[in-house]
C-alpha atoms as a PDB file:
ATOM      1  CA  MET A   1     -27.510  11.084  27.821  1.00  0.00           C
ATOM      2  CA  GLY A   2     -26.748   7.461  29.894  1.00  0.00           C
ATOM      3  CA  SER A   3     -28.223   6.376  26.854  1.00  0.00           C
ATOM      4  CA  ILE A   4     -26.412   8.021  24.250  1.00  0.00           C
ATOM      5  CA  SER A   5     -22.975   7.823  26.035  1.00  0.00           C
ATOM      6  CA  MET A   6     -23.536   3.773  26.235  1.00  0.00           C
ATOM      7  CA  ARG A   7     -24.159   4.165  22.558  1.00  0.00           C
ATOM      8  CA  TYR A   8     -21.623   5.991  21.874  1.00  0.00           C
ATOM      9  CA  THR A   9     -19.181   3.359  23.409  1.00  0.00           C
ATOM     10  CA  GLN A  10     -20.920   0.088  22.030  1.00  0.00           C
ATOM     11  CA  LEU A  11     -20.739   1.587  19.201  1.00  0.00           C
ATOM     12  CA  LYS A  12     -17.087   1.934  19.022  1.00  0.00           C
ATOM     13  CA  ALA A  13     -16.362  -1.083  20.138  1.00  0.00           C
ATOM     14  CA  PHE A  14     -18.371  -2.691  17.094  1.00  0.00           C
ATOM     15  CA  TYR A  15     -16.382  -0.416  14.761  1.00  0.00           C
ATOM     16  CA  HIS A  16     -13.098  -1.058  15.980  1.00  0.00           C
ATOM     17  CA  VAL A  17     -13.266  -5.022  16.042  1.00  0.00           C
ATOM     18  CA  ALA A  18     -14.470  -4.962  12.849  1.00  0.00           C
ATOM     19  CA  ARG A  19     -11.336  -2.066  11.656  1.00  0.00           C
ATOM     20  CA  HIS A  20      -9.181  -4.407  12.711  1.00  0.00           C
ATOM     21  CA  ASN A  21     -10.833  -7.710  12.286  1.00  0.00           C
ATOM     22  CA  GLY A  22     -10.746  -9.217  15.577  1.00  0.00           C
ATOM     23  CA  PHE A  23     -11.841  -8.808  19.081  1.00  0.00           C
ATOM     24  CA  SER A  24      -8.270  -9.436  20.200  1.00  0.00           C
ATOM     25  CA  ARG A  25      -6.580  -7.034  18.051  1.00  0.00           C
ATOM     26  CA  ALA A  26      -9.404  -4.476  19.113  1.00  0.00           C
ATOM     27  CA  ALA A  27      -9.013  -4.197  22.626  1.00  0.00           C
ATOM     28  CA  LYS A  28      -5.476  -4.107  22.469  1.00  0.00           C
ATOM     29  CA  TYR A  29      -5.741  -1.110  20.379  1.00  0.00           C
ATOM     30  CA  LEU A  30      -8.226  -0.050  22.634  1.00  0.00           C
ATOM     31  CA  ASN A  31      -6.264  -0.583  25.288  1.00  0.00           C
ATOM     32  CA  GLN A  32      -9.468  -1.895  26.926  1.00  0.00           C
ATOM     33  CA  SER A  33     -10.034  -5.709  28.129  1.00  0.00           C
ATOM     34  CA  GLN A  34     -11.334  -7.977  25.682  1.00  0.00           C
ATOM     35  CA  PRO A  35     -14.339  -9.375  27.654  1.00  0.00           C
ATOM     36  CA  SER A  36     -15.862  -5.384  27.898  1.00  0.00           C
ATOM     37  CA  LEU A  37     -15.230  -4.928  23.822  1.00  0.00           C
ATOM     38  CA  SER A  38     -17.096  -8.681  23.562  1.00  0.00           C
ATOM     39  CA  ASP A  39     -19.680  -7.148  25.929  1.00  0.00           C
ATOM     40  CA  HIS A  40     -20.225  -3.955  24.183  1.00  0.00           C
ATOM     41  CA  VAL A  41     -20.905  -5.573  20.849  1.00  0.00           C
ATOM     42  CA  ARG A  42     -23.438  -8.250  21.931  1.00  0.00           C
ATOM     43  CA  GLN A  43     -25.650  -5.147  23.825  1.00  0.00           C
ATOM     44  CA  LEU A  44     -25.188  -3.646  20.820  1.00  0.00           C
ATOM     45  CA  GLU A  45     -26.375  -6.729  18.834  1.00  0.00           C
ATOM     46  CA  ARG A  46     -29.535  -7.310  22.083  1.00  0.00           C
ATOM     47  CA  ASP A  47     -30.351  -3.567  21.921  1.00  0.00           C
ATOM     48  CA  HIS A  48     -31.286  -4.038  18.157  1.00  0.00           C
ATOM     49  CA  ASP A  49     -31.835  -7.431  17.226  1.00  0.00           C
ATOM     50  CA  VAL A  50     -29.438  -7.683  15.097  1.00  0.00           C
ATOM     51  CA  LEU A  51     -26.213  -9.678  14.103  1.00  0.00           C
ATOM     52  CA  LEU A  52     -22.918  -8.332  13.114  1.00  0.00           C
ATOM     53  CA  PHE A  53     -21.166 -10.511  13.515  1.00  0.00           C
ATOM     54  CA  ASN A  54     -20.375 -14.205  12.601  1.00  0.00           C
ATOM     55  CA  ARG A  55     -18.272 -15.649  15.199  1.00  0.00           C
ATOM     56  CA  ALA A  56     -16.572 -19.227  14.346  1.00  0.00           C
ATOM     57  CA  ASN A  57     -13.243 -21.344  14.571  1.00  0.00           C
ATOM     58  CA  ARG A  58     -11.720 -17.717  17.061  1.00  0.00           C
ATOM     59  CA  LYS A  59     -12.467 -15.831  13.904  1.00  0.00           C
ATOM     60  CA  VAL A  60     -14.937 -12.778  13.304  1.00  0.00           C
ATOM     61  CA  VAL A  61     -17.071 -11.901   9.785  1.00  0.00           C
ATOM     62  CA  LEU A  62     -18.814  -9.424   9.255  1.00  0.00           C
ATOM     63  CA  THR A  63     -22.608 -10.188   8.482  1.00  0.00           C
ATOM     64  CA  ALA A  64     -24.667  -8.015   5.600  1.00  0.00           C
ATOM     65  CA  ALA A  65     -25.991  -5.635   8.823  1.00  0.00           C
ATOM     66  CA  GLY A  66     -22.121  -5.452   9.414  1.00  0.00           C
ATOM     67  CA  GLU A  67     -21.246  -5.038   6.918  1.00  0.00           C
ATOM     68  CA  GLU A  68     -23.580  -1.908   6.806  1.00  0.00           C
ATOM     69  CA  LEU A  69     -23.229  -0.827  10.394  1.00  0.00           C
ATOM     70  CA  PHE A  70     -19.257  -0.551   9.492  1.00  0.00           C
ATOM     71  CA  ARG A  71     -20.244   2.121   6.539  1.00  0.00           C
ATOM     72  CA  LEU A  72     -21.847   3.745   8.520  1.00  0.00           C
ATOM     73  CA  THR A  73     -19.795   4.702  11.237  1.00  0.00           C
ATOM     74  CA  GLN A  74     -16.101   4.816   9.506  1.00  0.00           C
ATOM     75  CA  HIS A  75     -18.262   8.746   7.879  1.00  0.00           C
ATOM     76  CA  PHE A  76     -18.753   9.051  11.916  1.00  0.00           C
ATOM     77  CA  PHE A  77     -15.342   8.353  13.421  1.00  0.00           C
ATOM     78  CA  ASP A  78     -13.514   9.622  10.727  1.00  0.00           C
ATOM     79  CA  ALA A  79     -16.056  12.668  11.088  1.00  0.00           C
ATOM     80  CA  GLN A  80     -15.586  12.640  15.337  1.00  0.00           C
ATOM     81  CA  GLU A  81     -11.827  13.263  14.120  1.00  0.00           C
ATOM     82  CA  GLY A  82     -12.079  16.476  11.591  1.00  0.00           C
ATOM     83  CA  VAL A  83     -14.319  17.595  14.541  1.00  0.00           C
ATOM     84  CA  ALA A  84     -11.483  17.122  16.943  1.00  0.00           C
ATOM     85  CA  GLU A  85      -9.567  19.348  14.499  1.00  0.00           C
ATOM     86  CA  PHE A  86     -11.738  21.906  13.912  1.00  0.00           C
ATOM     87  CA  LEU A  87     -12.248  22.181  17.377  1.00  0.00           C
ATOM     88  CA  ASP A  88      -7.762  22.238  18.318  1.00  0.00           C
ATOM     89  CA  GLU A  89      -7.573  24.318  15.238  1.00  0.00           C
ATOM     90  CA  SER A  90      -4.917  27.115  17.470  1.00  0.00           C
ATOM     91  CA  ARG A  91      -2.078  23.819  17.808  1.00  0.00           C
ATOM     92  CA  LYS A  92       0.332  24.100  14.995  1.00  0.00           C
ATOM     93  CA  THR A  93       1.098  20.494  14.971  1.00  0.00           C
ATOM     94  CA  THR A  94      -0.760  17.253  13.950  1.00  0.00           C
ATOM     95  CA  HIS A  95      -0.728  14.839  16.358  1.00  0.00           C
ATOM     96  CA  GLY A  96      -1.775  11.008  15.972  1.00  0.00           C
ATOM     97  CA  ARG A  97      -0.362   7.953  13.090  1.00  0.00           C
ATOM     98  CA  LEU A  98       0.022   7.878   9.896  1.00  0.00           C
ATOM     99  CA  ARG A  99      -0.181   3.861   8.090  1.00  0.00           C
ATOM    100  CA  ILE A 100       1.365   4.359   4.701  1.00  0.00           C
ATOM    101  CA  ILE A 101       1.553   1.519   2.593  1.00  0.00           C
ATOM    102  CA  ALA A 102       3.773   0.951  -0.921  1.00  0.00           C
ATOM    103  CA  ASP A 103       4.640  -1.400  -3.305  1.00  0.00           C
ATOM    104  CA  SER A 104       8.186   1.488  -3.577  1.00  0.00           C
ATOM    105  CA  PRO A 105       8.678   3.918  -0.635  1.00  0.00           C
ATOM    106  CA  ALA A 106      11.920   5.224  -2.705  1.00  0.00           C
ATOM    107  CA  HIS A 107       9.617   7.932  -4.648  1.00  0.00           C
ATOM    108  CA  ILE A 108       8.475   9.933  -0.917  1.00  0.00           C
ATOM    109  CA  THR A 109      11.378   9.403   0.605  1.00  0.00           C
ATOM    110  CA  SER A 110      12.284  12.633   1.123  1.00  0.00           C
ATOM    111  CA  LEU A 111       8.370  13.636   1.221  1.00  0.00           C
ATOM    112  CA  LEU A 112       8.836  11.783   4.233  1.00  0.00           C
ATOM    113  CA  LYS A 113      11.799  13.016   5.599  1.00  0.00           C
ATOM    114  CA  GLN A 114      10.227  15.946   5.529  1.00  0.00           C
ATOM    115  CA  PHE A 115       7.184  15.479   6.612  1.00  0.00           C
ATOM    116  CA  ALA A 116       8.471  14.170   9.492  1.00  0.00           C
ATOM    117  CA  LYS A 117      10.236  16.964  10.797  1.00  0.00           C
ATOM    118  CA  ASP A 118       6.821  19.995   9.922  1.00  0.00           C
ATOM    119  CA  HIS A 119       5.477  17.324  12.005  1.00  0.00           C
ATOM    120  CA  PRO A 120       7.430  15.142  15.126  1.00  0.00           C
ATOM    121  CA  ASP A 121       4.340  14.222  17.096  1.00  0.00           C
ATOM    122  CA  VAL A 122       2.956  11.586  13.855  1.00  0.00           C
ATOM    123  CA  THR A 123       3.477   8.581  14.761  1.00  0.00           C
ATOM    124  CA  ILE A 124       4.839   7.131  10.632  1.00  0.00           C
ATOM    125  CA  ASP A 125       4.019   3.271  10.024  1.00  0.00           C
ATOM    126  CA  LEU A 126       4.761   2.312   6.413  1.00  0.00           C
ATOM    127  CA  ARG A 127       5.033  -1.131   4.923  1.00  0.00           C
ATOM    128  CA  THR A 128       5.033  -3.087   2.038  1.00  0.00           C
ATOM    129  CA  GLY A 129       2.380  -4.232  -0.370  1.00  0.00           C
ATOM    130  CA  ASN A 130       2.092  -5.205  -4.317  1.00  0.00           C
ATOM    131  CA  SER A 131      -0.567  -2.483  -6.174  1.00  0.00           C
ATOM    132  CA  ALA A 132      -3.720  -5.057  -4.947  1.00  0.00           C
ATOM    133  CA  LYS A 133      -2.606  -5.222  -1.656  1.00  0.00           C
ATOM    134  CA  VAL A 134      -2.372  -1.501  -1.494  1.00  0.00           C
ATOM    135  CA  VAL A 135      -5.694  -0.643  -2.934  1.00  0.00           C
ATOM    136  CA  GLU A 136      -7.214  -3.053  -1.015  1.00  0.00           C
ATOM    137  CA  THR A 137      -6.061  -2.084   2.584  1.00  0.00           C
ATOM    138  CA  LEU A 138      -6.604   1.955   1.514  1.00  0.00           C
ATOM    139  CA  ARG A 139     -10.851   0.182   1.292  1.00  0.00           C
ATOM    140  CA  ASN A 140     -10.465  -1.424   4.573  1.00  0.00           C
ATOM    141  CA  TYR A 141      -9.383   1.313   6.376  1.00  0.00           C
ATOM    142  CA  GLU A 142      -6.106  -0.128   7.080  1.00  0.00           C
ATOM    143  CA  ALA A 143      -3.906   3.169   5.659  1.00  0.00           C
ATOM    144  CA  GLU A 144      -4.348   6.453   5.198  1.00  0.00           C
ATOM    145  CA  ILE A 145      -1.736   6.290   2.262  1.00  0.00           C
ATOM    146  CA  GLY A 146      -0.926   4.344  -0.298  1.00  0.00           C
ATOM    147  CA  ILE A 147       1.355   4.266  -3.519  1.00  0.00           C
ATOM    148  CA  PHE A 148       1.289   1.891  -6.254  1.00  0.00           C
ATOM    149  CA  VAL A 149       0.596   1.791 -10.448  1.00  0.00           C
ATOM    150  CA  ALA A 150      -3.034   2.946 -10.741  1.00  0.00           C
ATOM    151  CA  GLY A 151      -3.674   0.822 -13.543  1.00  0.00           C
ATOM    152  CA  THR A 152      -7.484   1.291 -13.922  1.00  0.00           C
ATOM    153  CA  VAL A 153      -9.290   4.641 -12.768  1.00  0.00           C
ATOM    154  CA  GLU A 154     -10.706   4.361  -9.233  1.00  0.00           C
ATOM    155  CA  ARG A 155     -13.990   6.536  -8.267  1.00  0.00           C
ATOM    156  CA  ASP A 156     -13.391   5.628  -4.090  1.00  0.00           C
ATOM    157  CA  LEU A 157     -10.324   6.847  -4.369  1.00  0.00           C
ATOM    158  CA  TYR A 158      -8.115  10.872  -4.271  1.00  0.00           C
ATOM    159  CA  THR A 159      -4.703  10.053  -6.598  1.00  0.00           C
ATOM    160  CA  LYS A 160      -1.500  11.713  -7.146  1.00  0.00           C
ATOM    161  CA  ALA A 161       1.100  11.566  -9.648  1.00  0.00           C
ATOM    162  CA  LEU A 162       4.706  11.359  -8.558  1.00  0.00           C
ATOM    163  CA  GLY A 163       6.395  10.832 -11.279  1.00  0.00           C
ATOM    164  CA  ALA A 164       7.836   7.852 -13.360  1.00  0.00           C
ATOM    165  CA  ALA A 165      11.095   5.070 -13.235  1.00  0.00           C
ATOM    166  CA  PRO A 166      12.084   3.085 -15.879  1.00  0.00           C
ATOM    167  CA  ILE A 167      11.331  -0.531 -15.927  1.00  0.00           C
ATOM    168  CA  VAL A 168      14.403  -2.121 -15.758  1.00  0.00           C
ATOM    169  CA  ALA A 169      16.776  -5.333 -15.613  1.00  0.00           C
ATOM    170  CA  LEU A 170      18.357  -6.994 -13.030  1.00  0.00           C
ATOM    171  CA  SER A 171      21.341  -9.955 -13.277  1.00  0.00           C
ATOM    172  CA  ALA A 172      24.357 -11.254 -11.360  1.00  0.00           C
ATOM    173  CA  SER A 173      27.802  -9.483 -11.672  1.00  0.00           C
ATOM    174  CA  GLY A 174      28.742 -11.612 -15.015  1.00  0.00           C
ATOM    175  CA  PHE A 175      25.418 -13.615 -15.746  1.00  0.00           C
ATOM    176  CA  LEU A 176      25.169 -12.749 -18.844  1.00  0.00           C
ATOM    177  CA  ASP A 177      28.246 -13.974 -19.574  1.00  0.00           C
ATOM    178  CA  GLN A 178      27.159 -18.003 -19.315  1.00  0.00           C
ATOM    179  CA  TYR A 179      24.230 -17.650 -21.296  1.00  0.00           C
ATOM    180  CA  GLY A 180      26.762 -15.817 -24.003  1.00  0.00           C
ATOM    181  CA  ILE A 181      24.167 -13.468 -24.363  1.00  0.00           C
ATOM    182  CA  GLU A 182      25.656  -9.251 -24.932  1.00  0.00           C
ATOM    183  CA  LYS A 183      23.769  -6.747 -24.637  1.00  0.00           C
ATOM    184  CA  ARG A 184      22.433  -4.500 -27.186  1.00  0.00           C
ATOM    185  CA  ALA A 185      23.139  -0.463 -27.939  1.00  0.00           C
ATOM    186  CA  GLY A 186      23.199   0.988 -25.184  1.00  0.00           C
ATOM    187  CA  GLY A 187      23.091  -1.351 -22.967  1.00  0.00           C
ATOM    188  CA  MET A 188      20.302  -2.812 -23.464  1.00  0.00           C
ATOM    189  CA  LEU A 189      18.488  -6.204 -23.645  1.00  0.00           C
ATOM    190  CA  THR A 190      15.663  -6.882 -26.020  1.00  0.00           C
ATOM    191  CA  PHE A 191      12.740  -9.451 -25.295  1.00  0.00           C
ATOM    192  CA  ALA A 192      14.496 -11.620 -27.425  1.00  0.00           C
ATOM    193  CA  ASP A 193      17.630 -11.765 -25.326  1.00  0.00           C
ATOM    194  CA  LEU A 194      15.375 -12.536 -21.876  1.00  0.00           C
ATOM    195  CA  LYS A 195      13.425 -15.169 -23.410  1.00  0.00           C
ATOM    196  CA  GLN A 196      16.740 -17.536 -23.527  1.00  0.00           C
ATOM    197  CA  LEU A 197      17.418 -16.833 -19.926  1.00  0.00           C
ATOM    198  CA  PRO A 198      16.292 -18.120 -16.515  1.00  0.00           C
ATOM    199  CA  LEU A 199      13.298 -15.524 -15.867  1.00  0.00           C
ATOM    200  CA  ILE A 200      12.853 -14.736 -11.821  1.00  0.00           C
ATOM    201  CA  PHE A 201       8.682 -14.347 -11.762  1.00  0.00           C
ATOM    202  CA  ARG A 202       7.029 -12.171  -8.830  1.00  0.00           C
ATOM    203  CA  GLU A 203       2.931 -13.038  -8.062  1.00  0.00           C
ATOM    204  CA  ALA A 204      -0.152 -11.914  -9.309  1.00  0.00           C
ATOM    205  CA  GLY A 205      -0.371  -8.136  -8.399  1.00  0.00           C
ATOM    206  CA  SER A 206       2.574  -6.921  -9.212  1.00  0.00           C
ATOM    207  CA  GLN A 207       2.130  -4.379 -11.199  1.00  0.00           C
ATOM    208  CA  THR A 208       5.719  -4.256 -12.807  1.00  0.00           C
ATOM    209  CA  GLN A 209       5.426  -7.890 -13.564  1.00  0.00           C
ATOM    210  CA  SER A 210       2.365  -7.676 -15.861  1.00  0.00           C
ATOM    211  CA  ARG A 211       3.753  -4.691 -17.337  1.00  0.00           C
ATOM    212  CA  VAL A 212       7.014  -6.440 -18.864  1.00  0.00           C
ATOM    213  CA  LEU A 213       4.994  -9.076 -20.021  1.00  0.00           C
ATOM    214  CA  ASP A 214       2.284  -7.363 -21.469  1.00  0.00           C
ATOM    215  CA  ALA A 215       5.516  -5.108 -23.491  1.00  0.00           C
ATOM    216  CA  ALA A 216       6.960  -8.701 -24.806  1.00  0.00           C
ATOM    217  CA  ARG A 217       3.574  -9.932 -25.772  1.00  0.00           C
ATOM    218  CA  ALA A 218       3.019  -6.151 -28.392  1.00  0.00           C
ATOM    219  CA  ARG A 219       6.221  -7.483 -29.630  1.00  0.00           C
ATOM    220  CA  GLY A 220       5.378 -11.495 -29.902  1.00  0.00           C
ATOM    221  CA  ILE A 221       7.118 -12.687 -27.357  1.00  0.00           C
ATOM    222  CA  LYS A 222       6.208 -15.171 -24.754  1.00  0.00           C
ATOM    223  CA  LEU A 223       8.116 -14.913 -21.057  1.00  0.00           C
ATOM    224  CA  THR A 224       8.092 -17.873 -18.755  1.00  0.00           C
ATOM    225  CA  SER A 225       9.695 -18.009 -15.703  1.00  0.00           C
ATOM    226  CA  THR A 226      11.793 -20.484 -14.393  1.00  0.00           C
ATOM    227  CA  PHE A 227      11.104 -19.465 -10.546  1.00  0.00           C
ATOM    228  CA  VAL A 228       7.228 -17.557  -9.137  1.00  0.00           C
ATOM    229  CA  VAL A 229       8.620 -15.689  -5.727  1.00  0.00           C
ATOM    230  CA  GLU A 230       6.695 -12.937  -3.981  1.00  0.00           C
ATOM    231  CA  GLY A 231       7.329 -10.440  -2.925  1.00  0.00           C
ATOM    232  CA  ARG A 232      10.512  -7.934  -4.146  1.00  0.00           C
ATOM    233  CA  GLU A 233      13.480  -8.378  -1.475  1.00  0.00           C
ATOM    234  CA  THR A 234      12.841 -13.024  -2.422  1.00  0.00           C
ATOM    235  CA  MET A 235      12.992 -11.959  -6.177  1.00  0.00           C
ATOM    236  CA  ARG A 236      16.372  -9.825  -5.626  1.00  0.00           C
ATOM    237  CA  ASP A 237      17.838 -11.824  -3.513  1.00  0.00           C
ATOM    238  CA  LEU A 238      17.389 -14.910  -5.642  1.00  0.00           C
ATOM    239  CA  VAL A 239      18.837 -12.700  -8.689  1.00  0.00           C
ATOM    240  CA  ALA A 240      22.148 -11.907  -6.813  1.00  0.00           C
ATOM    241  CA  GLU A 241      22.312 -15.915  -6.326  1.00  0.00           C
ATOM    242  CA  GLY A 242      22.716 -15.744 -10.074  1.00  0.00           C
ATOM    243  CA  LEU A 243      19.360 -17.966 -10.331  1.00  0.00           C
ATOM    244  CA  GLY A 244      17.905 -15.918 -13.223  1.00  0.00           C
ATOM    245  CA  ILE A 245      16.633 -12.821 -14.109  1.00  0.00           C
ATOM    246  CA  GLY A 246      14.241  -9.890 -12.666  1.00  0.00           C
ATOM    247  CA  PHE A 247      12.892  -6.833 -13.391  1.00  0.00           C
ATOM    248  CA  ALA A 248      12.039  -4.085 -10.907  1.00  0.00           C
ATOM    249  CA  SER A 249      11.512  -0.145 -11.847  1.00  0.00           C
ATOM    250  CA  ALA A 250      14.911   1.546 -10.972  1.00  0.00           C
ATOM    251  CA  VAL A 251      13.931   3.687  -8.425  1.00  0.00           C
ATOM    252  CA  GLU A 252      13.202   0.830  -6.141  1.00  0.00           C
ATOM    253  CA  ILE A 253      16.445  -0.509  -6.379  1.00  0.00           C
ATOM    254  CA  GLY A 254      19.940   0.967  -5.324  1.00  0.00           C
ATOM    255  CA  ALA A 255      23.230   1.090  -5.214  1.00  0.00           C
ATOM    256  CA  ASP A 256      24.209  -2.477  -4.783  1.00  0.00           C
ATOM    257  CA  SER A 257      27.283  -4.263  -5.589  1.00  0.00           C
ATOM    258  CA  GLN A 258      25.218  -7.395  -5.939  1.00  0.00           C
ATOM    259  CA  LEU A 259      23.295  -6.279  -8.918  1.00  0.00           C
ATOM    260  CA  GLU A 260      23.558  -5.280 -12.046  1.00  0.00           C
ATOM    261  CA  LYS A 261      20.289  -2.713 -13.307  1.00  0.00           C
ATOM    262  CA  ILE A 262      19.920  -3.067 -17.222  1.00  0.00           C
ATOM    263  CA  LEU A 263      17.528  -1.383 -20.073  1.00  0.00           C
ATOM    264  CA  ILE A 264      15.118  -2.948 -21.701  1.00  0.00           C
ATOM    265  CA  ALA A 265      15.051  -2.242 -25.038  1.00  0.00           C
ATOM    266  CA  HIS A 266      11.040  -0.964 -25.076  1.00  0.00           C
ATOM    267  CA  GLU A 267       9.971   2.268 -25.354  1.00  0.00           C
ATOM    268  CA  GLY A 268       7.564   3.655 -22.413  1.00  0.00           C
ATOM    269  CA  LEU A 269       8.554   0.633 -20.444  1.00  0.00           C
ATOM    270  CA  GLU A 270       8.439   2.624 -17.115  1.00  0.00           C
ATOM    271  CA  MET A 271       6.563   2.507 -13.513  1.00  0.00           C
ATOM    272  CA  PRO A 272       4.367   6.117 -12.997  1.00  0.00           C
ATOM    273  CA  GLU A 273       3.887   6.282  -9.458  1.00  0.00           C
ATOM    274  CA  THR A 274       0.874   7.375  -7.892  1.00  0.00           C
ATOM    275  CA  LEU A 275      -0.318   8.578  -4.369  1.00  0.00           C
ATOM    276  CA  ALA A 276      -3.359   7.877  -3.372  1.00  0.00           C
ATOM    277  CA  CYS A 277      -5.883   7.815  -0.082  1.00  0.00           C
ATOM    278  CA  LEU A 278     -10.021   7.165  -0.055  1.00  0.00           C
ATOM    279  CA  ALA A 279     -11.060  10.086  -1.590  1.00  0.00           C
ATOM    280  CA  LYS A 280     -14.125  11.045   1.957  1.00  0.00           C
ATOM    281  CA  ARG A 281     -10.652  10.732   3.817  1.00  0.00           C
ATOM    282  CA  GLN A 282      -9.049  13.887   2.587  1.00  0.00           C
ATOM    283  CA  ASN A 283      -9.383  15.718   5.497  1.00  0.00           C
ATOM    284  CA  VAL A 284      -9.433  13.013   8.671  1.00  0.00           C
ATOM    285  CA  PRO A 285      -6.466  15.963  10.016  1.00  0.00           C
ATOM    286  CA  VAL A 286      -3.405  13.243   9.281  1.00  0.00           C
ATOM    287  CA  VAL A 287      -4.244  12.659   6.227  1.00  0.00           C
ATOM    288  CA  LYS A 288      -4.687  16.431   4.906  1.00  0.00           C
ATOM    289  CA  ALA A 289      -1.246  18.477   6.470  1.00  0.00           C
ATOM    290  CA  PHE A 290       0.209  14.684   4.572  1.00  0.00           C
ATOM    291  CA  LEU A 291      -1.117  15.689   1.274  1.00  0.00           C
ATOM    292  CA  ALA A 292      -0.842  19.616   2.153  1.00  0.00           C
ATOM    293  CA  SER A 293       3.179  18.896   2.159  1.00  0.00           C
ATOM    294  CA  ILE A 294       2.746  16.976  -1.665  1.00  0.00           C
ATOM    295  CA  ASP A 295       1.374  19.777  -2.316  1.00  0.00           C
ATOM    296  CA  ALA A 296       4.362  22.174  -1.096  1.00  0.00           C
ATOM    297  CA  SER A 297       7.229  19.780  -2.175  1.00  0.00           C
ATOM    298  CA  SER A 298       5.621  20.449  -5.481  1.00  0.00           C
ATOM    299  CA  LYS A 299       5.791  24.483  -5.421  1.00  0.00           C
ATOM    300  CA  VAL A 300       9.241  24.546  -4.465  1.00  0.00           C
ATOM    301  CA  SER A 301      10.570  21.549  -7.388  1.00  0.00           C
ATOM    302  CA  THR A 302       9.065  23.652 -10.066  1.00  0.00           C
END
């Protein structure tokens, strides 16, 4: 029993070092000392004559053997959470932490409020990133739930459609007057109009950006940038300062006296938001509870 217990401790140490990309962060998460964690991992390597991490310049990188063991331990510790939930099924509340990464949390704001009310013992961590970052974070086990624009079918992800919103051009008040551009019928701008204006593009990986450029290209128009920035907030700040036109999903931009939302004259130019988790993690208790909230919300709305 002693060796089984020790092996579990070593595997747990390895798993969290790999999951948190380093010994110090894993030690902080587990509330253990870093030397103790290092000892467990080194002992695991010695006992089985295998190198799990390449250690250089204070960084740790999984070896091929380490990547395979990490994949196996992910299944193991997810199953452990499921077992714990099953054995504690008499409890009515879900406990723990739910990490969410979203390109925009706007589509699930009301759902987050309801989930927090129904599960007060769950801590919700919410951060943002573009669609590529959302998928990467889910696959790295750094978040349980992702909200993004699904461009292609990802076989390892379980997804649910959340709805869609039009993509709009963002302008500072009075900005169009400086360039002698007038809105068309219905208060819209065409891609030909946009081509005459300074444009603020976002980083590679922005699905909003890609959809605007693809739609313009379909009309035979190539849009070029005056500024390229990282992140929605930076783009928004530059637009508010009158430096150019930006693009965003209409639902992402709330009431803002500094910004004007202008529809673009192109049918179907919208952002369909998708909720996702790793398919193999659907039964992790906190994920299962969140997906149940989505289903309950959908039934109420219909």
